[in-house]
């Protein structure tokens, strides 16, 4: 996870992930995991993005150009609380030292 943008109504999460043991990681599905302090966990699908800056350890870009991902998560679909952010690929996942916080919605005050 590289960036988490906290917008008024949603979070946008971006990053990249690939399996170094696979020749072509571009087809690998990536999900964002939100694990809440409130015992709630969400698994969110992402869309692929091109990453011309990503390289394998040997310096090549073979099979990793589509390793980028991004997703928009609507705040109203999440229960209030603090969420630990992670990424899940094929058979593995990593949690990062990144968090998002969803506040309780403010109560609407009716005018007479």
N, C-alpha and C. Protein backbone atom coordinates (compact mmCIF):
# COMPACT_ATOMS: atom_id res chain seq x y z
N UNK A 1 0.86 -1.17 0.00
CA UNK A 1 0.00 0.00 0.00
C UNK A 1 0.90 1.23 0.00
N UNK A 2 0.70 2.05 -1.00
CA UNK A 2 1.51 3.27 -1.09
C UNK A 2 0.78 4.51 -0.60
N UNK A 3 -0.46 4.66 -1.03
CA UNK A 3 -1.20 5.86 -0.62
C UNK A 3 -2.60 5.51 -0.15
N UNK A 4 -3.04 6.25 0.86
CA UNK A 4 -4.42 6.19 1.32
C UNK A 4 -4.92 7.63 1.37
N UNK A 5 -5.85 7.95 0.50
CA UNK A 5 -6.44 9.29 0.48
C UNK A 5 -7.77 9.25 1.20
N UNK A 6 -7.92 10.11 2.20
CA UNK A 6 -9.14 10.21 2.98
C UNK A 6 -9.96 11.35 2.42
N UNK A 7 -10.92 11.00 1.58
CA UNK A 7 -11.81 11.99 1.00
C UNK A 7 -13.06 12.11 1.87
N UNK A 8 -13.91 13.03 1.56
CA UNK A 8 -15.08 13.29 2.40
C UNK A 8 -15.97 12.06 2.56
N UNK A 9 -16.24 11.34 1.48
CA UNK A 9 -17.18 10.23 1.54
C UNK A 9 -16.54 8.85 1.30
N UNK A 10 -15.25 8.83 0.94
CA UNK A 10 -14.61 7.54 0.65
C UNK A 10 -13.11 7.60 0.90
N UNK A 11 -12.51 6.40 0.99
CA UNK A 11 -11.05 6.26 1.04
C UNK A 11 -10.61 5.73 -0.31
N UNK A 12 -9.54 6.27 -0.87
CA UNK A 12 -8.92 5.72 -2.08
C UNK A 12 -7.58 5.11 -1.66
N UNK A 13 -7.42 3.83 -1.92
CA UNK A 13 -6.21 3.11 -1.55
C UNK A 13 -5.52 2.65 -2.82
N UNK A 14 -4.21 2.96 -2.91
CA UNK A 14 -3.41 2.60 -4.10
C UNK A 14 -2.12 1.94 -3.67
N UNK A 15 -1.61 1.11 -4.56
CA UNK A 15 -0.33 0.47 -4.31
C UNK A 15 0.02 -0.49 -5.43
N UNK A 16 0.90 -1.44 -5.13
CA UNK A 16 1.23 -2.47 -6.10
C UNK A 16 1.58 -3.76 -5.36
N UNK A 17 1.42 -4.87 -6.06
CA UNK A 17 1.74 -6.18 -5.48
C UNK A 17 1.98 -7.16 -6.62
N UNK A 18 2.97 -8.02 -6.45
CA UNK A 18 3.19 -9.10 -7.41
C UNK A 18 3.89 -10.25 -6.71
N UNK A 19 3.75 -11.43 -7.31
CA UNK A 19 4.37 -12.64 -6.80
C UNK A 19 5.68 -12.83 -7.55
N UNK A 20 6.79 -12.70 -6.88
CA UNK A 20 8.10 -12.79 -7.52
C UNK A 20 8.37 -14.19 -8.07
N UNK A 21 7.65 -15.19 -7.60
CA UNK A 21 7.86 -16.57 -8.06
C UNK A 21 7.08 -16.88 -9.34
N UNK A 22 6.14 -16.01 -9.71
CA UNK A 22 5.36 -16.22 -10.93
C UNK A 22 5.95 -15.40 -12.06
N UNK A 23 5.98 -15.98 -13.26
CA UNK A 23 6.51 -15.25 -14.41
C UNK A 23 5.63 -14.08 -14.80
N UNK A 24 4.31 -14.25 -14.64
CA UNK A 24 3.39 -13.18 -15.00
C UNK A 24 2.41 -12.95 -13.86
N UNK A 25 2.67 -11.91 -13.10
CA UNK A 25 1.79 -11.57 -11.97
C UNK A 25 0.66 -10.63 -12.38
N UNK A 26 0.64 -10.22 -13.64
CA UNK A 26 -0.36 -9.25 -14.09
C UNK A 26 -1.79 -9.76 -13.98
N UNK A 27 -1.97 -11.07 -14.00
CA UNK A 27 -3.32 -11.63 -13.93
C UNK A 27 -3.75 -11.93 -12.49
N UNK A 28 -2.86 -11.75 -11.53
CA UNK A 28 -3.15 -12.05 -10.14
C UNK A 28 -4.18 -11.06 -9.58
N UNK A 29 -5.23 -11.58 -8.97
CA UNK A 29 -6.23 -10.71 -8.34
C UNK A 29 -5.69 -10.20 -7.01
N UNK A 30 -5.91 -8.92 -6.76
CA UNK A 30 -5.45 -8.27 -5.53
C UNK A 30 -6.67 -7.73 -4.79
N UNK A 31 -6.69 -7.92 -3.48
CA UNK A 31 -7.76 -7.41 -2.63
C UNK A 31 -7.16 -6.59 -1.51
N UNK A 32 -7.89 -5.57 -1.07
CA UNK A 32 -7.51 -4.81 0.11
C UNK A 32 -8.28 -5.40 1.29
N UNK A 33 -7.57 -5.62 2.39
CA UNK A 33 -8.18 -6.14 3.61
C UNK A 33 -8.25 -5.02 4.63
N UNK A 34 -9.39 -4.87 5.26
CA UNK A 34 -9.56 -3.93 6.37
C UNK A 34 -9.94 -4.75 7.60
N UNK A 35 -9.06 -4.81 8.58
CA UNK A 35 -9.32 -5.57 9.81
C UNK A 35 -9.54 -4.58 10.94
N UNK A 36 -10.76 -4.54 11.45
CA UNK A 36 -11.13 -3.53 12.42
C UNK A 36 -10.83 -3.89 13.85
N UNK A 37 -10.55 -2.87 14.66
CA UNK A 37 -10.45 -3.04 16.11
C UNK A 37 -11.80 -3.46 16.66
N UNK A 38 -12.87 -3.24 15.88
CA UNK A 38 -14.23 -3.57 16.28
C UNK A 38 -14.62 -4.99 15.88
N UNK A 39 -13.62 -5.83 15.54
CA UNK A 39 -13.82 -7.24 15.15
C UNK A 39 -14.44 -7.40 13.75
N UNK A 40 -14.65 -6.32 13.02
CA UNK A 40 -15.17 -6.41 11.66
C UNK A 40 -14.00 -6.50 10.68
N UNK A 41 -14.15 -7.33 9.66
CA UNK A 41 -13.15 -7.45 8.61
C UNK A 41 -13.85 -7.33 7.26
N UNK A 42 -13.25 -6.54 6.37
CA UNK A 42 -13.78 -6.38 5.02
C UNK A 42 -12.70 -6.78 4.03
N UNK A 43 -13.10 -7.45 2.95
CA UNK A 43 -12.21 -7.78 1.85
C UNK A 43 -12.78 -7.08 0.63
N UNK A 44 -11.98 -6.19 0.04
CA UNK A 44 -12.45 -5.29 -1.02
C UNK A 44 -11.68 -5.57 -2.30
N UNK A 45 -12.40 -5.76 -3.41
CA UNK A 45 -11.74 -5.98 -4.69
C UNK A 45 -11.09 -4.67 -5.17
N UNK A 46 -10.12 -4.82 -6.06
CA UNK A 46 -9.40 -3.66 -6.60
C UNK A 46 -9.42 -3.72 -8.12
N UNK A 47 -9.06 -2.62 -8.75
CA UNK A 47 -8.87 -2.64 -10.20
C UNK A 47 -7.38 -2.50 -10.49
N UNK A 48 -6.96 -3.13 -11.57
CA UNK A 48 -5.55 -3.13 -11.97
C UNK A 48 -5.17 -1.76 -12.54
N UNK A 49 -3.92 -1.36 -12.29
CA UNK A 49 -3.37 -0.14 -12.90
C UNK A 49 -1.96 -0.43 -13.38
N UNK A 50 -1.54 0.28 -14.42
CA UNK A 50 -0.18 0.13 -14.93
C UNK A 50 0.81 0.79 -13.99
N UNK A 51 1.96 0.13 -13.80
CA UNK A 51 3.04 0.67 -12.97
C UNK A 51 4.34 0.53 -13.74
N UNK A 52 4.73 1.60 -14.42
CA UNK A 52 5.97 1.59 -15.18
C UNK A 52 7.20 1.68 -14.29
N UNK A 53 7.00 2.01 -13.00
CA UNK A 53 8.12 2.16 -12.07
C UNK A 53 8.45 0.88 -11.30
N UNK A 54 7.65 -0.17 -11.45
CA UNK A 54 7.85 -1.40 -10.67
C UNK A 54 8.78 -2.35 -11.44
N UNK A 55 9.73 -2.91 -10.71
CA UNK A 55 10.69 -3.85 -11.29
C UNK A 55 10.82 -5.07 -10.38
N UNK A 56 11.18 -6.19 -10.99
CA UNK A 56 11.51 -7.40 -10.24
C UNK A 56 12.90 -7.21 -9.62
N UNK A 57 13.25 -8.07 -8.66
CA UNK A 57 14.59 -7.95 -8.05
C UNK A 57 15.74 -8.02 -9.05
N UNK A 58 15.54 -8.71 -10.19
CA UNK A 58 16.60 -8.78 -11.21
C UNK A 58 16.62 -7.56 -12.13
N UNK A 59 15.71 -6.59 -11.88
CA UNK A 59 15.68 -5.35 -12.66
C UNK A 59 14.72 -5.37 -13.83
N UNK A 60 14.16 -6.52 -14.15
CA UNK A 60 13.25 -6.58 -15.30
C UNK A 60 11.83 -6.15 -14.90
N UNK A 61 11.04 -5.80 -15.92
CA UNK A 61 9.64 -5.46 -15.66
C UNK A 61 8.71 -6.54 -16.23
N UNK A 62 9.27 -7.68 -16.61
CA UNK A 62 8.49 -8.75 -17.24
C UNK A 62 7.41 -9.27 -16.28
N UNK A 63 6.16 -9.14 -16.72
CA UNK A 63 5.03 -9.67 -15.96
C UNK A 63 4.58 -8.83 -14.78
N UNK A 64 5.12 -7.61 -14.63
CA UNK A 64 4.73 -6.80 -13.47
C UNK A 64 4.18 -5.42 -13.85
N UNK A 65 4.05 -5.15 -15.13
CA UNK A 65 3.57 -3.83 -15.53
C UNK A 65 2.14 -3.55 -15.06
N UNK A 66 1.34 -4.60 -14.92
CA UNK A 66 -0.03 -4.42 -14.42
C UNK A 66 -0.13 -4.82 -12.95
N UNK A 67 0.90 -4.58 -12.19
CA UNK A 67 0.91 -4.97 -10.77
C UNK A 67 0.29 -3.91 -9.87
N UNK A 68 -0.05 -2.75 -10.42
CA UNK A 68 -0.66 -1.70 -9.62
C UNK A 68 -2.12 -2.00 -9.33
N UNK A 69 -2.61 -1.44 -8.23
CA UNK A 69 -4.03 -1.60 -7.90
C UNK A 69 -4.53 -0.32 -7.25
N UNK A 70 -5.84 -0.14 -7.32
CA UNK A 70 -6.51 0.94 -6.59
C UNK A 70 -7.95 0.55 -6.33
N UNK A 71 -8.50 1.12 -5.27
CA UNK A 71 -9.89 0.89 -4.95
C UNK A 71 -10.42 2.09 -4.18
N UNK A 72 -11.69 2.36 -4.36
CA UNK A 72 -12.39 3.39 -3.58
C UNK A 72 -13.35 2.66 -2.65
N UNK A 73 -13.29 2.98 -1.36
CA UNK A 73 -14.13 2.35 -0.36
C UNK A 73 -15.03 3.41 0.25
N UNK A 74 -16.31 3.25 0.04
CA UNK A 74 -17.28 4.20 0.57
C UNK A 74 -17.34 4.11 2.09
N UNK A 75 -17.20 5.23 2.77
CA UNK A 75 -17.20 5.25 4.23
C UNK A 75 -18.53 4.76 4.80
N UNK A 76 -19.63 5.08 4.14
CA UNK A 76 -20.93 4.70 4.68
C UNK A 76 -21.15 3.19 4.68
N UNK A 77 -20.32 2.43 3.97
CA UNK A 77 -20.45 0.97 3.95
C UNK A 77 -19.62 0.31 5.05
N UNK A 78 -18.86 1.11 5.81
CA UNK A 78 -18.02 0.58 6.88
C UNK A 78 -18.61 0.95 8.24
N UNK A 79 -18.53 0.02 9.16
CA UNK A 79 -18.93 0.33 10.54
C UNK A 79 -17.90 1.29 11.14
N UNK A 80 -18.32 2.20 12.03
CA UNK A 80 -17.35 3.09 12.66
C UNK A 80 -16.25 2.31 13.38
N UNK A 81 -15.03 2.85 13.33
CA UNK A 81 -13.91 2.21 14.01
C UNK A 81 -12.60 2.45 13.30
N UNK A 82 -11.55 1.86 13.85
CA UNK A 82 -10.20 1.94 13.27
C UNK A 82 -9.90 0.63 12.57
N UNK A 83 -9.36 0.71 11.35
CA UNK A 83 -9.09 -0.46 10.53
C UNK A 83 -7.62 -0.54 10.14
N UNK A 84 -7.04 -1.71 10.36
CA UNK A 84 -5.69 -2.04 9.93
C UNK A 84 -5.79 -2.41 8.45
N UNK A 85 -4.91 -1.86 7.60
CA UNK A 85 -5.00 -2.05 6.16
C UNK A 85 -3.99 -3.10 5.70
N UNK A 86 -4.44 -4.02 4.85
CA UNK A 86 -3.57 -5.04 4.28
C UNK A 86 -3.92 -5.31 2.84
N UNK A 87 -3.12 -6.18 2.22
CA UNK A 87 -3.32 -6.58 0.83
C UNK A 87 -3.28 -8.09 0.75
N UNK A 88 -4.19 -8.66 -0.02
CA UNK A 88 -4.24 -10.11 -0.20
C UNK A 88 -4.11 -10.43 -1.68
N UNK A 89 -3.24 -11.40 -1.96
CA UNK A 89 -3.09 -11.92 -3.32
C UNK A 89 -3.46 -13.39 -3.30
N UNK A 90 -2.76 -14.18 -4.10
CA UNK A 90 -3.02 -15.61 -4.16
C UNK A 90 -2.37 -16.31 -2.96
N UNK A 91 -3.17 -16.88 -2.10
CA UNK A 91 -2.73 -17.70 -0.98
C UNK A 91 -1.89 -16.97 0.06
N UNK A 92 -1.82 -15.67 0.02
CA UNK A 92 -1.02 -14.94 0.99
C UNK A 92 -1.59 -13.55 1.20
N UNK A 93 -1.26 -12.96 2.35
CA UNK A 93 -1.65 -11.58 2.58
C UNK A 93 -0.61 -10.92 3.48
N UNK A 94 -0.56 -9.60 3.42
CA UNK A 94 0.33 -8.80 4.25
C UNK A 94 -0.46 -7.66 4.86
N UNK A 95 -0.28 -7.48 6.15
CA UNK A 95 -0.86 -6.33 6.83
C UNK A 95 0.24 -5.28 6.97
N UNK A 96 -0.11 -4.02 6.78
CA UNK A 96 0.86 -2.94 6.81
C UNK A 96 0.65 -2.08 8.05
N UNK A 97 1.61 -1.26 8.35
CA UNK A 97 1.51 -0.35 9.49
C UNK A 97 0.74 0.90 9.06
N UNK A 98 -0.42 0.67 8.48
CA UNK A 98 -1.28 1.75 7.99
C UNK A 98 -2.69 1.51 8.51
N UNK A 99 -3.38 2.59 8.83
CA UNK A 99 -4.72 2.50 9.41
C UNK A 99 -5.62 3.55 8.79
N UNK A 100 -6.92 3.24 8.77
CA UNK A 100 -7.93 4.24 8.43
C UNK A 100 -8.91 4.28 9.60
N UNK A 101 -9.55 5.43 9.78
CA UNK A 101 -10.53 5.58 10.85
C UNK A 101 -11.84 6.07 10.25
N UNK A 102 -12.91 5.36 10.60
CA UNK A 102 -14.25 5.74 10.16
C UNK A 102 -14.98 6.29 11.39
N UNK A 103 -15.36 7.55 11.31
CA UNK A 103 -16.07 8.20 12.41
C UNK A 103 -17.55 7.88 12.35
N UNK A 104 -18.20 7.98 13.48
CA UNK A 104 -19.66 7.87 13.50
C UNK A 104 -20.23 9.05 12.74
N UNK A 105 -21.27 8.84 11.94
CA UNK A 105 -21.87 9.98 11.24
C UNK A 105 -22.44 10.98 12.25
N UNK A 106 -22.34 12.24 11.93
CA UNK A 106 -22.90 13.28 12.81
C UNK A 106 -24.42 13.20 12.76
N UNK A 107 -25.04 13.44 13.88
CA UNK A 107 -26.50 13.45 13.93
C UNK A 107 -27.01 14.70 13.24
N UNK A 108 -28.07 14.51 12.49
CA UNK A 108 -28.70 15.64 11.83
C UNK A 108 -29.62 16.35 12.81
N UNK A 109 -29.56 17.65 12.85
CA UNK A 109 -30.40 18.45 13.73
C UNK A 109 -31.56 18.99 12.91
N UNK A 110 -32.76 18.67 13.35
CA UNK A 110 -33.94 19.14 12.63
C UNK A 110 -34.24 20.56 13.04
N UNK A 111 -34.56 21.38 12.04
CA UNK A 111 -34.98 22.76 12.31
C UNK A 111 -36.49 22.79 12.39
N UNK A 112 -36.99 23.56 13.32
CA UNK A 112 -38.44 23.70 13.46
C UNK A 112 -38.98 24.74 12.52
